[in-house]
Amino acid sequence: MAVSTSQYREEERQQLKEKRRKDIIKVAQELFIKKGLTETTMSDIAAGVKISRRTLYRYYKTKEELAFQIEIILFEDFYRFQDEIFNQLEGNGLEKIKEFFSQIADYIDDNSQIIRFSGEFDHYFRGDYPYSDLTNQFKGMISTNDELLVKLIIEGRKDGSIRDDIEPRITALTMNNVLLSITQRVIIRGDHLIEEQNVNPKEMVFQQLKLFMFSLENK
């Protein structure tokens, strides 16, 4: 069946709309990282995309809504990567965790914009989150991802490679939060750390991973 003119035009409109949404996300992310969430305005974003503020507001009502959407998009990609490597891990529980974190560290090194934006996001949203639907989506995404490390710790306890006095869930949450915190600091303040402490920031991340393994290992 031939596609009617109206259907064709509607497809074109949807394609243009999706392209513009991606342009908005890209420009907003760059501005949020460069200027900060507080200093960036909707006018800045509209100018960067070369659209009017009125058009921008058709897509996003506030910069906070836009920032939340960017955080979700970035971490969806990050967590999708973790799902992929999780299913390819080999060895006992401790060995799997070591390889899991090693690949995550490499991913973060190659995709530092995720951590840069996350640091800005965490600093800006220190109070209540403003959007219940996006908040629920974000919380569900994080909770599901945390379970990957919980499973590996449980597996390690069962096979004897991880200490049996380790509580899986609180340990997994602590490790994930510590890793995110240290990567935020070394990526955002990397040059300062080199100057002030004469240390390679990336080596600090790998040292933290070694400490994780040392604390987990059943000796």
N, C-alpha and C. Protein backbone atom coordinates (compact mmCIF):
# COMPACT_ATOMS: atom_id res chain seq x y z
N MET A 1 0.84 -1.19 0.00
CA MET A 1 0.00 0.00 0.00
C MET A 1 0.88 1.25 0.00
N ALA A 2 0.58 2.19 -0.88
CA ALA A 2 1.37 3.41 -0.98
C ALA A 2 1.15 4.29 0.25
N VAL A 3 2.19 4.94 0.66
CA VAL A 3 2.10 5.85 1.79
C VAL A 3 1.49 7.16 1.32
N SER A 4 0.45 7.62 2.00
CA SER A 4 -0.22 8.85 1.60
C SER A 4 0.66 10.05 1.90
N THR A 5 0.34 11.17 1.25
CA THR A 5 1.11 12.40 1.46
C THR A 5 1.05 12.84 2.91
N SER A 6 -0.13 12.71 3.52
CA SER A 6 -0.28 13.13 4.93
C SER A 6 0.54 12.24 5.86
N GLN A 7 0.59 10.94 5.56
CA GLN A 7 1.39 10.03 6.38
C GLN A 7 2.87 10.35 6.24
N TYR A 8 3.28 10.62 5.01
CA TYR A 8 4.68 10.95 4.75
C TYR A 8 5.08 12.22 5.48
N ARG A 9 4.23 13.22 5.44
CA ARG A 9 4.52 14.48 6.12
C ARG A 9 4.57 14.30 7.63
N GLU A 10 3.69 13.42 8.13
CA GLU A 10 3.69 13.17 9.57
C GLU A 10 4.99 12.48 9.99
N GLU A 11 5.48 11.55 9.18
CA GLU A 11 6.75 10.89 9.46
C GLU A 11 7.89 11.89 9.45
N GLU A 12 7.86 12.81 8.51
CA GLU A 12 8.88 13.85 8.44
C GLU A 12 8.86 14.72 9.68
N ARG A 13 7.65 15.09 10.12
CA ARG A 13 7.51 15.91 11.33
C ARG A 13 8.06 15.19 12.55
N GLN A 14 7.78 13.90 12.64
CA GLN A 14 8.26 13.12 13.79
C GLN A 14 9.78 12.99 13.77
N GLN A 15 10.34 12.81 12.58
CA GLN A 15 11.79 12.72 12.44
C GLN A 15 12.46 14.03 12.81
N LEU A 16 11.87 15.14 12.36
CA LEU A 16 12.40 16.46 12.71
C LEU A 16 12.30 16.70 14.21
N LYS A 17 11.19 16.29 14.79
CA LYS A 17 10.98 16.46 16.23
C LYS A 17 12.01 15.67 17.03
N GLU A 18 12.27 14.44 16.61
CA GLU A 18 13.24 13.60 17.31
C GLU A 18 14.65 14.15 17.16
N LYS A 19 14.98 14.62 15.96
CA LYS A 19 16.30 15.22 15.73
C LYS A 19 16.47 16.46 16.60
N ARG A 20 15.44 17.28 16.69
CA ARG A 20 15.53 18.50 17.50
C ARG A 20 15.67 18.16 18.97
N ARG A 21 14.98 17.13 19.41
CA ARG A 21 15.10 16.72 20.81
C ARG A 21 16.53 16.28 21.12
N LYS A 22 17.13 15.53 20.21
CA LYS A 22 18.52 15.09 20.39
C LYS A 22 19.47 16.29 20.39
N ASP A 23 19.20 17.27 19.54
CA ASP A 23 20.03 18.49 19.51
C ASP A 23 19.92 19.25 20.82
N ILE A 24 18.73 19.31 21.36
CA ILE A 24 18.51 20.00 22.64
C ILE A 24 19.29 19.30 23.75
N ILE A 25 19.19 17.98 23.79
CA ILE A 25 19.90 17.19 24.81
C ILE A 25 21.40 17.42 24.70
N LYS A 26 21.94 17.36 23.49
CA LYS A 26 23.38 17.51 23.28
C LYS A 26 23.86 18.89 23.72
N VAL A 27 23.18 19.93 23.28
CA VAL A 27 23.60 21.30 23.61
C VAL A 27 23.45 21.56 25.11
N ALA A 28 22.34 21.11 25.69
CA ALA A 28 22.12 21.34 27.12
C ALA A 28 23.17 20.64 27.96
N GLN A 29 23.51 19.43 27.60
CA GLN A 29 24.54 18.69 28.34
C GLN A 29 25.87 19.44 28.31
N GLU A 30 26.24 19.90 27.12
CA GLU A 30 27.50 20.64 26.98
C GLU A 30 27.50 21.92 27.82
N LEU A 31 26.39 22.63 27.82
CA LEU A 31 26.30 23.87 28.58
C LEU A 31 26.27 23.61 30.08
N PHE A 32 25.56 22.57 30.49
CA PHE A 32 25.49 22.25 31.92
C PHE A 32 26.88 21.92 32.47
N ILE A 33 27.67 21.21 31.67
CA ILE A 33 29.01 20.85 32.10
C ILE A 33 29.94 22.07 32.08
N LYS A 34 29.82 22.88 31.04
CA LYS A 34 30.72 24.03 30.88
C LYS A 34 30.38 25.16 31.85
N LYS A 35 29.11 25.53 31.95
CA LYS A 35 28.70 26.69 32.76
C LYS A 35 28.15 26.31 34.13
N GLY A 36 27.67 25.07 34.24
CA GLY A 36 27.01 24.65 35.47
C GLY A 36 25.51 24.77 35.32
N LEU A 37 24.78 23.94 36.04
CA LEU A 37 23.32 23.97 35.97
C LEU A 37 22.75 25.29 36.46
N THR A 38 23.34 25.83 37.51
CA THR A 38 22.82 27.07 38.09
C THR A 38 22.94 28.24 37.11
N GLU A 39 24.06 28.33 36.42
CA GLU A 39 24.32 29.48 35.54
C GLU A 39 23.70 29.33 34.15
N THR A 40 23.39 28.13 33.74
CA THR A 40 22.82 27.91 32.42
C THR A 40 21.33 28.27 32.42
N THR A 41 20.89 28.98 31.39
CA THR A 41 19.48 29.35 31.27
C THR A 41 18.85 28.67 30.06
N MET A 42 17.53 28.67 30.05
CA MET A 42 16.83 28.13 28.89
C MET A 42 17.14 28.96 27.64
N SER A 43 17.38 30.24 27.81
CA SER A 43 17.76 31.09 26.68
C SER A 43 19.09 30.65 26.09
N ASP A 44 20.04 30.28 26.97
CA ASP A 44 21.34 29.78 26.50
C ASP A 44 21.15 28.52 25.64
N ILE A 45 20.30 27.62 26.13
CA ILE A 45 20.07 26.36 25.43
C ILE A 45 19.40 26.60 24.09
N ALA A 46 18.37 27.45 24.09
CA ALA A 46 17.66 27.77 22.85
C ALA A 46 18.61 28.37 21.82
N ALA A 47 19.47 29.28 22.27
CA ALA A 47 20.42 29.92 21.37
C ALA A 47 21.40 28.90 20.80
N GLY A 48 21.84 27.96 21.65
CA GLY A 48 22.78 26.94 21.20
C GLY A 48 22.19 26.01 20.16
N VAL A 49 20.90 25.73 20.29
CA VAL A 49 20.22 24.85 19.34
C VAL A 49 19.73 25.63 18.11
N LYS A 50 19.73 26.98 18.25
CA LYS A 50 19.25 27.87 17.19
C LYS A 50 17.74 27.73 16.98
N ILE A 51 17.03 27.72 18.12
CA ILE A 51 15.58 27.74 18.10
C ILE A 51 15.11 28.80 19.08
N SER A 52 13.85 29.14 19.04
CA SER A 52 13.31 30.12 19.97
C SER A 52 13.05 29.48 21.32
N ARG A 53 12.97 30.31 22.37
CA ARG A 53 12.63 29.78 23.69
C ARG A 53 11.25 29.13 23.66
N ARG A 54 10.35 29.73 22.90
CA ARG A 54 8.99 29.19 22.80
C ARG A 54 9.02 27.76 22.26
N THR A 55 9.84 27.54 21.24
CA THR A 55 9.97 26.18 20.68
C THR A 55 10.59 25.24 21.71
N LEU A 56 11.61 25.71 22.42
CA LEU A 56 12.28 24.88 23.44
C LEU A 56 11.28 24.43 24.51
N TYR A 57 10.41 25.35 24.93
CA TYR A 57 9.44 25.03 25.98
C TYR A 57 8.40 24.01 25.52
N ARG A 58 8.28 23.79 24.23
CA ARG A 58 7.38 22.75 23.76
C ARG A 58 7.95 21.36 24.06
N TYR A 59 9.26 21.31 24.19
CA TYR A 59 9.94 20.04 24.47
C TYR A 59 10.17 19.85 25.97
N TYR A 60 10.64 20.90 26.63
CA TYR A 60 10.95 20.83 28.06
C TYR A 60 10.48 22.10 28.75
N LYS A 61 9.74 21.93 29.84
CA LYS A 61 9.16 23.08 30.54
C LYS A 61 10.20 23.84 31.35
N THR A 62 11.22 23.13 31.86
CA THR A 62 12.24 23.76 32.69
C THR A 62 13.61 23.12 32.40
N LYS A 63 14.66 23.81 32.79
CA LYS A 63 15.99 23.22 32.62
C LYS A 63 16.19 22.04 33.57
N GLU A 64 15.48 22.05 34.72
CA GLU A 64 15.59 20.94 35.65
C GLU A 64 15.04 19.65 35.04
N GLU A 65 13.91 19.77 34.35
CA GLU A 65 13.35 18.60 33.67
C GLU A 65 14.32 18.09 32.60
N LEU A 66 14.93 19.00 31.90
CA LEU A 66 15.90 18.66 30.86
C LEU A 66 17.12 17.98 31.47
N ALA A 67 17.62 18.53 32.57
CA ALA A 67 18.78 17.94 33.24
C ALA A 67 18.49 16.53 33.72
N PHE A 68 17.30 16.33 34.26
CA PHE A 68 16.92 15.01 34.75
C PHE A 68 16.87 14.02 33.61
N GLN A 69 16.33 14.45 32.47
CA GLN A 69 16.26 13.57 31.31
C GLN A 69 17.65 13.19 30.82
N ILE A 70 18.57 14.14 30.83
CA ILE A 70 19.95 13.86 30.40
C ILE A 70 20.60 12.85 31.34
N GLU A 71 20.42 13.02 32.64
CA GLU A 71 20.99 12.09 33.61
C GLU A 71 20.49 10.67 33.36
N ILE A 72 19.21 10.54 33.10
CA ILE A 72 18.63 9.23 32.84
C ILE A 72 19.20 8.62 31.56
N ILE A 73 19.30 9.41 30.50
CA ILE A 73 19.82 8.91 29.22
C ILE A 73 21.26 8.43 29.37
N LEU A 74 22.10 9.23 30.03
CA LEU A 74 23.50 8.87 30.20
C LEU A 74 23.66 7.59 31.01
N PHE A 75 22.90 7.48 32.10
CA PHE A 75 23.05 6.31 32.96
C PHE A 75 22.36 5.08 32.38
N GLU A 76 21.37 5.27 31.53
CA GLU A 76 20.80 4.11 30.83
C GLU A 76 21.87 3.45 29.96
N ASP A 77 22.66 4.27 29.27
CA ASP A 77 23.75 3.74 28.44
C ASP A 77 24.81 3.07 29.32
N PHE A 78 25.15 3.70 30.44
CA PHE A 78 26.15 3.17 31.35
C PHE A 78 25.70 1.82 31.92
N TYR A 79 24.45 1.75 32.33
CA TYR A 79 23.94 0.52 32.92
C TYR A 79 23.74 -0.58 31.87
N ARG A 80 23.43 -0.18 30.65
CA ARG A 80 23.31 -1.16 29.58
C ARG A 80 24.67 -1.83 29.34
N PHE A 81 25.73 -1.03 29.40
CA PHE A 81 27.08 -1.57 29.28
C PHE A 81 27.37 -2.55 30.42
N GLN A 82 26.97 -2.22 31.63
CA GLN A 82 27.21 -3.10 32.77
C GLN A 82 26.45 -4.42 32.62
N ASP A 83 25.24 -4.35 32.09
CA ASP A 83 24.47 -5.58 31.86
C ASP A 83 25.21 -6.49 30.88
N GLU A 84 25.77 -5.89 29.84
CA GLU A 84 26.47 -6.66 28.81
C GLU A 84 27.70 -7.37 29.38
N ILE A 85 28.51 -6.65 30.16
CA ILE A 85 29.72 -7.29 30.68
C ILE A 85 29.39 -8.27 31.80
N PHE A 86 28.32 -8.02 32.53
CA PHE A 86 27.91 -8.93 33.61
C PHE A 86 27.68 -10.33 33.06
N ASN A 87 27.04 -10.42 31.92
CA ASN A 87 26.71 -11.72 31.33
C ASN A 87 27.91 -12.41 30.70
N GLN A 88 29.05 -11.73 30.64
CA GLN A 88 30.25 -12.32 30.03
C GLN A 88 31.33 -12.65 31.06
N LEU A 89 31.07 -12.37 32.34
CA LEU A 89 32.07 -12.58 33.37
C LEU A 89 32.34 -14.07 33.61
N GLU A 90 33.61 -14.37 33.92
CA GLU A 90 34.00 -15.76 34.20
C GLU A 90 34.83 -15.82 35.48
N GLY A 91 34.86 -17.02 36.10
CA GLY A 91 35.64 -17.20 37.31
C GLY A 91 34.77 -17.25 38.55
N ASN A 92 35.41 -17.18 39.72
CA ASN A 92 34.63 -17.17 40.95
C ASN A 92 34.08 -15.76 41.20
N GLY A 93 33.34 -15.62 42.29
CA GLY A 93 32.69 -14.35 42.56
C GLY A 93 33.66 -13.18 42.66
N LEU A 94 34.77 -13.36 43.37
CA LEU A 94 35.74 -12.28 43.54
C LEU A 94 36.38 -11.91 42.20
N GLU A 95 36.72 -12.93 41.40
CA GLU A 95 37.33 -12.68 40.10
C GLU A 95 36.37 -11.93 39.17
N LYS A 96 35.10 -12.28 39.26
CA LYS A 96 34.09 -11.59 38.44
C LYS A 96 33.96 -10.13 38.85
N ILE A 97 33.99 -9.85 40.14
CA ILE A 97 33.89 -8.47 40.61
C ILE A 97 35.10 -7.66 40.15
N LYS A 98 36.27 -8.26 40.23
CA LYS A 98 37.49 -7.57 39.79
C LYS A 98 37.40 -7.19 38.32
N GLU A 99 36.97 -8.13 37.48
CA GLU A 99 36.84 -7.86 36.05
C GLU A 99 35.70 -6.87 35.78
N PHE A 100 34.63 -7.00 36.53
CA PHE A 100 33.48 -6.10 36.41
C PHE A 100 33.90 -4.66 36.63
N PHE A 101 34.60 -4.41 37.74
CA PHE A 101 35.03 -3.05 38.05
C PHE A 101 36.12 -2.56 37.11
N SER A 102 36.97 -3.45 36.67
CA SER A 102 38.04 -3.07 35.74
C SER A 102 37.44 -2.54 34.43
N GLN A 103 36.43 -3.23 33.93
CA GLN A 103 35.80 -2.78 32.68
C GLN A 103 35.00 -1.51 32.89
N ILE A 104 34.38 -1.38 34.05
CA ILE A 104 33.65 -0.15 34.36
C ILE A 104 34.61 1.04 34.41
N ALA A 105 35.78 0.84 35.03
CA ALA A 105 36.78 1.92 35.11
C ALA A 105 37.22 2.35 33.71
N ASP A 106 37.41 1.39 32.81
CA ASP A 106 37.79 1.73 31.44
C ASP A 106 36.67 2.48 30.73
N TYR A 107 35.44 2.05 30.97
CA TYR A 107 34.29 2.72 30.35
C TYR A 107 34.19 4.16 30.82
N ILE A 108 34.37 4.37 32.12
CA ILE A 108 34.31 5.72 32.68
C ILE A 108 35.41 6.59 32.09
N ASP A 109 36.60 6.00 31.93
CA ASP A 109 37.73 6.75 31.36
C ASP A 109 37.43 7.18 29.93
N ASP A 110 36.71 6.34 29.20
CA ASP A 110 36.38 6.65 27.80
C ASP A 110 35.13 7.51 27.67
N ASN A 111 34.33 7.60 28.73
CA ASN A 111 33.06 8.34 28.69
C ASN A 111 32.96 9.28 29.89
N SER A 112 33.98 10.12 30.04
CA SER A 112 34.06 10.97 31.23
C SER A 112 32.91 11.97 31.32
N GLN A 113 32.21 12.24 30.18
CA GLN A 113 31.12 13.20 30.23
C GLN A 113 29.99 12.72 31.15
N ILE A 114 29.86 11.39 31.29
CA ILE A 114 28.84 10.85 32.19
C ILE A 114 29.12 11.28 33.62
N ILE A 115 30.38 11.14 34.03
CA ILE A 115 30.75 11.46 35.40
C ILE A 115 30.75 12.97 35.62
N ARG A 116 31.21 13.73 34.63
CA ARG A 116 31.19 15.19 34.75
C ARG A 116 29.76 15.69 34.95
N PHE A 117 28.86 15.19 34.14
CA PHE A 117 27.48 15.64 34.26
C PHE A 117 26.87 15.15 35.57
N SER A 118 27.18 13.91 35.96
CA SER A 118 26.64 13.37 37.20
C SER A 118 27.07 14.21 38.40
N GLY A 119 28.32 14.68 38.39
CA GLY A 119 28.80 15.53 39.47
C GLY A 119 28.02 16.83 39.54
N GLU A 120 27.77 17.44 38.38
CA GLU A 120 26.98 18.66 38.32
C GLU A 120 25.55 18.41 38.77
N PHE A 121 24.99 17.29 38.34
CA PHE A 121 23.62 16.91 38.69
C PHE A 121 23.48 16.71 40.21
N ASP A 122 24.41 15.97 40.80
CA ASP A 122 24.36 15.71 42.24
C ASP A 122 24.48 17.01 43.04
N HIS A 123 25.33 17.92 42.57
CA HIS A 123 25.50 19.19 43.27
C HIS A 123 24.24 20.05 43.19
N TYR A 124 23.58 20.02 42.06
CA TYR A 124 22.41 20.88 41.85
C TYR A 124 21.17 20.33 42.57
N PHE A 125 20.94 19.03 42.44
CA PHE A 125 19.74 18.42 43.03
C PHE A 125 20.06 17.88 44.43
N ARG A 126 20.35 18.77 45.35
CA ARG A 126 20.66 18.34 46.71
C ARG A 126 19.42 18.22 47.57
N GLY A 127 18.32 18.82 47.15
CA GLY A 127 17.06 18.71 47.87
C GLY A 127 16.17 17.66 47.23
N ASP A 128 14.86 17.90 47.31
CA ASP A 128 13.91 16.96 46.73
C ASP A 128 13.97 17.01 45.21
N TYR A 129 13.77 15.86 44.59
CA TYR A 129 13.68 15.83 43.14
C TYR A 129 12.34 16.46 42.71
N PRO A 130 12.33 17.19 41.59
CA PRO A 130 11.14 17.95 41.22
C PRO A 130 10.09 17.20 40.42
N TYR A 131 10.41 16.04 39.86
CA TYR A 131 9.47 15.37 38.96
C TYR A 131 9.27 13.92 39.38
N SER A 132 8.07 13.60 39.84
CA SER A 132 7.83 12.27 40.39
C SER A 132 7.98 11.17 39.35
N ASP A 133 7.51 11.41 38.11
CA ASP A 133 7.59 10.36 37.10
C ASP A 133 9.05 10.07 36.72
N LEU A 134 9.84 11.14 36.52
CA LEU A 134 11.25 10.95 36.20
C LEU A 134 12.02 10.38 37.39
N THR A 135 11.63 10.82 38.60
CA THR A 135 12.29 10.31 39.81
C THR A 135 12.08 8.81 39.95
N ASN A 136 10.85 8.36 39.73
CA ASN A 136 10.56 6.93 39.84
C ASN A 136 11.32 6.13 38.79
N GLN A 137 11.42 6.66 37.59
CA GLN A 137 12.18 6.00 36.54
C GLN A 137 13.65 5.91 36.91
N PHE A 138 14.19 7.00 37.45
CA PHE A 138 15.59 7.07 37.85
C PHE A 138 15.89 6.09 38.98
N LYS A 139 15.03 6.09 40.00
CA LYS A 139 15.23 5.21 41.15
C LYS A 139 15.15 3.74 40.75
N GLY A 140 14.20 3.42 39.88
CA GLY A 140 14.06 2.03 39.44
C GLY A 140 15.27 1.56 38.66
N MET A 141 15.82 2.46 37.84
CA MET A 141 16.99 2.14 37.03
C MET A 141 18.20 1.87 37.92
N ILE A 142 18.41 2.71 38.93
CA ILE A 142 19.54 2.54 39.84
C ILE A 142 19.40 1.27 40.66
N SER A 143 18.19 1.04 41.18
CA SER A 143 17.95 -0.13 42.02
C SER A 143 18.23 -1.42 41.27
N THR A 144 17.78 -1.49 40.02
CA THR A 144 17.99 -2.69 39.20
C THR A 144 19.47 -2.92 38.97
N ASN A 145 20.20 -1.84 38.70
CA ASN A 145 21.63 -1.98 38.43
C ASN A 145 22.40 -2.40 39.67
N ASP A 146 22.05 -1.90 40.83
CA ASP A 146 22.75 -2.26 42.07
C ASP A 146 22.71 -3.76 42.33
N GLU A 147 21.65 -4.41 41.84
CA GLU A 147 21.48 -5.84 42.09
C GLU A 147 22.55 -6.68 41.41
N LEU A 148 23.18 -6.15 40.35
CA LEU A 148 24.23 -6.91 39.67
C LEU A 148 25.38 -7.21 40.62
N LEU A 149 25.84 -6.18 41.33
CA LEU A 149 26.95 -6.36 42.26
C LEU A 149 26.53 -7.19 43.47
N VAL A 150 25.29 -7.02 43.90
CA VAL A 150 24.77 -7.83 45.00
C VAL A 150 24.86 -9.32 44.64
N LYS A 151 24.46 -9.66 43.42
CA LYS A 151 24.50 -11.06 42.97
C LYS A 151 25.92 -11.61 42.96
N LEU A 152 26.88 -10.78 42.53
CA LEU A 152 28.27 -11.24 42.48
C LEU A 152 28.83 -11.47 43.88
N ILE A 153 28.46 -10.62 44.81
CA ILE A 153 28.94 -10.79 46.19
C ILE A 153 28.35 -12.06 46.80
N ILE A 154 27.07 -12.29 46.56
CA ILE A 154 26.42 -13.51 47.05
C ILE A 154 27.08 -14.74 46.45
N GLU A 155 27.37 -14.67 45.16
CA GLU A 155 28.04 -15.79 44.48
C GLU A 155 29.42 -16.04 45.09
N GLY A 156 30.14 -14.96 45.38
CA GLY A 156 31.46 -15.10 45.98
C GLY A 156 31.43 -15.68 47.38
N ARG A 157 30.41 -15.33 48.14
CA ARG A 157 30.26 -15.92 49.48
C ARG A 157 30.00 -17.42 49.38
N LYS A 158 29.19 -17.79 48.39
CA LYS A 158 28.85 -19.21 48.24
C LYS A 158 30.04 -20.04 47.78
N ASP A 159 30.87 -19.48 46.87
CA ASP A 159 32.00 -20.26 46.36
C ASP A 159 33.25 -20.11 47.23
N GLY A 160 33.17 -19.29 48.29
CA GLY A 160 34.27 -19.17 49.25
C GLY A 160 35.33 -18.15 48.89
N SER A 161 35.15 -17.43 47.79
CA SER A 161 36.16 -16.44 47.40
C SER A 161 35.98 -15.11 48.13
N ILE A 162 34.79 -14.88 48.69
CA ILE A 162 34.48 -13.64 49.40
C ILE A 162 34.11 -13.97 50.84
N ARG A 163 34.55 -13.14 51.74
CA ARG A 163 34.29 -13.33 53.17
C ARG A 163 32.80 -13.50 53.45
N ASP A 164 32.46 -14.40 54.36
CA ASP A 164 31.05 -14.66 54.64
C ASP A 164 30.45 -13.68 55.65
N ASP A 165 31.29 -12.78 56.21
CA ASP A 165 30.75 -11.78 57.12
C ASP A 165 30.41 -10.48 56.38
N ILE A 166 30.50 -10.49 55.06
CA ILE A 166 30.14 -9.34 54.24
C ILE A 166 28.64 -9.37 53.96
N GLU A 167 27.95 -8.29 54.28
CA GLU A 167 26.52 -8.19 53.97
C GLU A 167 26.40 -7.71 52.52
N PRO A 168 25.83 -8.51 51.63
CA PRO A 168 25.89 -8.23 50.20
C PRO A 168 25.32 -6.87 49.77
N ARG A 169 24.13 -6.54 50.23
CA ARG A 169 23.48 -5.35 49.68
C ARG A 169 24.16 -4.06 50.14
N ILE A 170 24.39 -3.90 51.42
CA ILE A 170 25.01 -2.67 51.91
C ILE A 170 26.43 -2.54 51.38
N THR A 171 27.11 -3.67 51.21
CA THR A 171 28.47 -3.65 50.65
C THR A 171 28.43 -3.20 49.19
N ALA A 172 27.49 -3.74 48.42
CA ALA A 172 27.37 -3.36 47.01
C ALA A 172 27.05 -1.86 46.87
N LEU A 173 26.12 -1.38 47.68
CA LEU A 173 25.74 0.04 47.62
C LEU A 173 26.92 0.93 47.99
N THR A 174 27.66 0.52 49.01
CA THR A 174 28.82 1.30 49.44
C THR A 174 29.87 1.35 48.34
N MET A 175 30.17 0.22 47.75
CA MET A 175 31.18 0.16 46.70
C MET A 175 30.78 1.01 45.49
N ASN A 176 29.52 0.90 45.07
CA ASN A 176 29.06 1.68 43.92
C ASN A 176 29.14 3.18 44.18
N ASN A 177 28.74 3.59 45.39
CA ASN A 177 28.77 5.02 45.72
C ASN A 177 30.19 5.55 45.87
N VAL A 178 31.06 4.75 46.46
CA VAL A 178 32.46 5.17 46.61
C VAL A 178 33.12 5.31 45.24
N LEU A 179 32.87 4.34 44.35
CA LEU A 179 33.46 4.41 43.02
C LEU A 179 32.97 5.64 42.26
N LEU A 180 31.67 5.91 42.33
CA LEU A 180 31.12 7.09 41.66
C LEU A 180 31.72 8.37 42.23
N SER A 181 31.85 8.43 43.55
CA SER A 181 32.38 9.63 44.20
C SER A 181 33.83 9.90 43.81
N ILE A 182 34.66 8.86 43.84
CA ILE A 182 36.08 9.08 43.54
C ILE A 182 36.27 9.39 42.05
N THR A 183 35.48 8.77 41.17
CA THR A 183 35.62 9.08 39.75
C THR A 183 35.14 10.50 39.45
N GLN A 184 34.11 10.95 40.14
CA GLN A 184 33.69 12.35 39.98
C GLN A 184 34.83 13.29 40.35
N ARG A 185 35.49 13.01 41.46
CA ARG A 185 36.55 13.91 41.91
C ARG A 185 37.75 13.89 40.98
N VAL A 186 38.19 12.71 40.56
CA VAL A 186 39.40 12.67 39.75
C VAL A 186 39.16 13.19 38.33
N ILE A 187 37.93 13.06 37.84
CA ILE A 187 37.63 13.59 36.51
C ILE A 187 37.41 15.10 36.55
N ILE A 188 36.68 15.58 37.54
CA ILE A 188 36.39 17.00 37.62
C ILE A 188 37.60 17.80 38.09
N ARG A 189 38.38 17.23 39.02
CA ARG A 189 39.53 17.96 39.58
C ARG A 189 40.86 17.30 39.25
N GLY A 190 40.91 16.55 38.18
CA GLY A 190 42.11 15.79 37.84
C GLY A 190 43.37 16.63 37.74
N ASP A 191 43.31 17.74 37.01
CA ASP A 191 44.49 18.59 36.84
C ASP A 191 44.95 19.18 38.17
N HIS A 192 44.00 19.52 39.02
CA HIS A 192 44.35 20.08 40.34
C HIS A 192 45.04 19.03 41.20
N LEU A 193 44.56 17.79 41.11
CA LEU A 193 45.17 16.72 41.91
C LEU A 193 46.61 16.47 41.48
N ILE A 194 46.85 16.54 40.19
CA ILE A 194 48.22 16.37 39.70
C ILE A 194 49.11 17.48 40.24
N GLU A 195 48.60 18.70 40.21
CA GLU A 195 49.39 19.86 40.65
C GLU A 195 49.56 19.89 42.17
N GLU A 196 48.48 19.62 42.89
CA GLU A 196 48.50 19.76 44.35
C GLU A 196 49.11 18.55 45.07
N GLN A 197 48.89 17.36 44.52
CA GLN A 197 49.30 16.15 45.24
C GLN A 197 50.30 15.29 44.46
N ASN A 198 50.63 15.73 43.26
CA ASN A 198 51.60 15.02 42.43
C ASN A 198 51.23 13.54 42.29
N VAL A 199 49.97 13.31 41.87
CA VAL A 199 49.48 11.95 41.73
C VAL A 199 48.70 11.83 40.43
N ASN A 200 48.81 10.67 39.81
CA ASN A 200 48.01 10.38 38.62
C ASN A 200 46.59 10.02 39.07
N PRO A 201 45.60 10.84 38.75
CA PRO A 201 44.24 10.59 39.23
C PRO A 201 43.70 9.21 38.86
N LYS A 202 44.02 8.73 37.67
CA LYS A 202 43.52 7.43 37.26
C LYS A 202 44.07 6.32 38.15
N GLU A 203 45.31 6.47 38.62
CA GLU A 203 45.90 5.48 39.51
C GLU A 203 45.15 5.43 40.84
N MET A 204 44.58 6.55 41.25
CA MET A 204 43.80 6.57 42.49
C MET A 204 42.56 5.71 42.35
N VAL A 205 41.95 5.73 41.18
CA VAL A 205 40.77 4.90 40.94
C VAL A 205 41.14 3.42 41.01
N PHE A 206 42.24 3.05 40.35
CA PHE A 206 42.66 1.65 40.37
C PHE A 206 43.09 1.21 41.77
N GLN A 207 43.67 2.13 42.54
CA GLN A 207 44.02 1.81 43.92
C GLN A 207 42.78 1.54 44.75
N GLN A 208 41.73 2.32 44.50
CA GLN A 208 40.47 2.09 45.22
C GLN A 208 39.89 0.72 44.87
N LEU A 209 40.00 0.34 43.61
CA LEU A 209 39.51 -0.98 43.21
C LEU A 209 40.30 -2.09 43.90
N LYS A 210 41.61 -1.90 44.06
CA LYS A 210 42.44 -2.88 44.77
C LYS A 210 42.00 -2.99 46.23
N LEU A 211 41.66 -1.87 46.83
CA LEU A 211 41.19 -1.88 48.22
C LEU A 211 39.86 -2.62 48.34
N PHE A 212 38.99 -2.45 47.34
CA PHE A 212 37.75 -3.21 47.33
C PHE A 212 38.04 -4.71 47.37
N MET A 213 38.93 -5.13 46.47
CA MET A 213 39.23 -6.56 46.37
C MET A 213 39.86 -7.09 47.68
N PHE A 214 40.75 -6.31 48.25
CA PHE A 214 41.42 -6.70 49.49
C PHE A 214 40.40 -6.87 50.62
N SER A 215 39.43 -5.95 50.67
CA SER A 215 38.44 -6.01 51.76
C SER A 215 37.44 -7.15 51.58
N LEU A 216 37.24 -7.57 50.34
CA LEU A 216 36.27 -8.64 50.06
C LEU A 216 36.88 -10.05 50.18
N GLU A 217 38.14 -10.18 49.85
CA GLU A 217 38.76 -11.49 49.71
C GLU A 217 38.70 -12.31 50.99
N ASN A 218 38.33 -13.55 50.83
CA ASN A 218 38.30 -14.50 51.94
C ASN A 218 39.67 -15.13 52.07
N LYS A 219 40.49 -14.63 52.99
CA LYS A 219 41.88 -15.09 53.11
C LYS A 219 41.97 -16.33 53.99
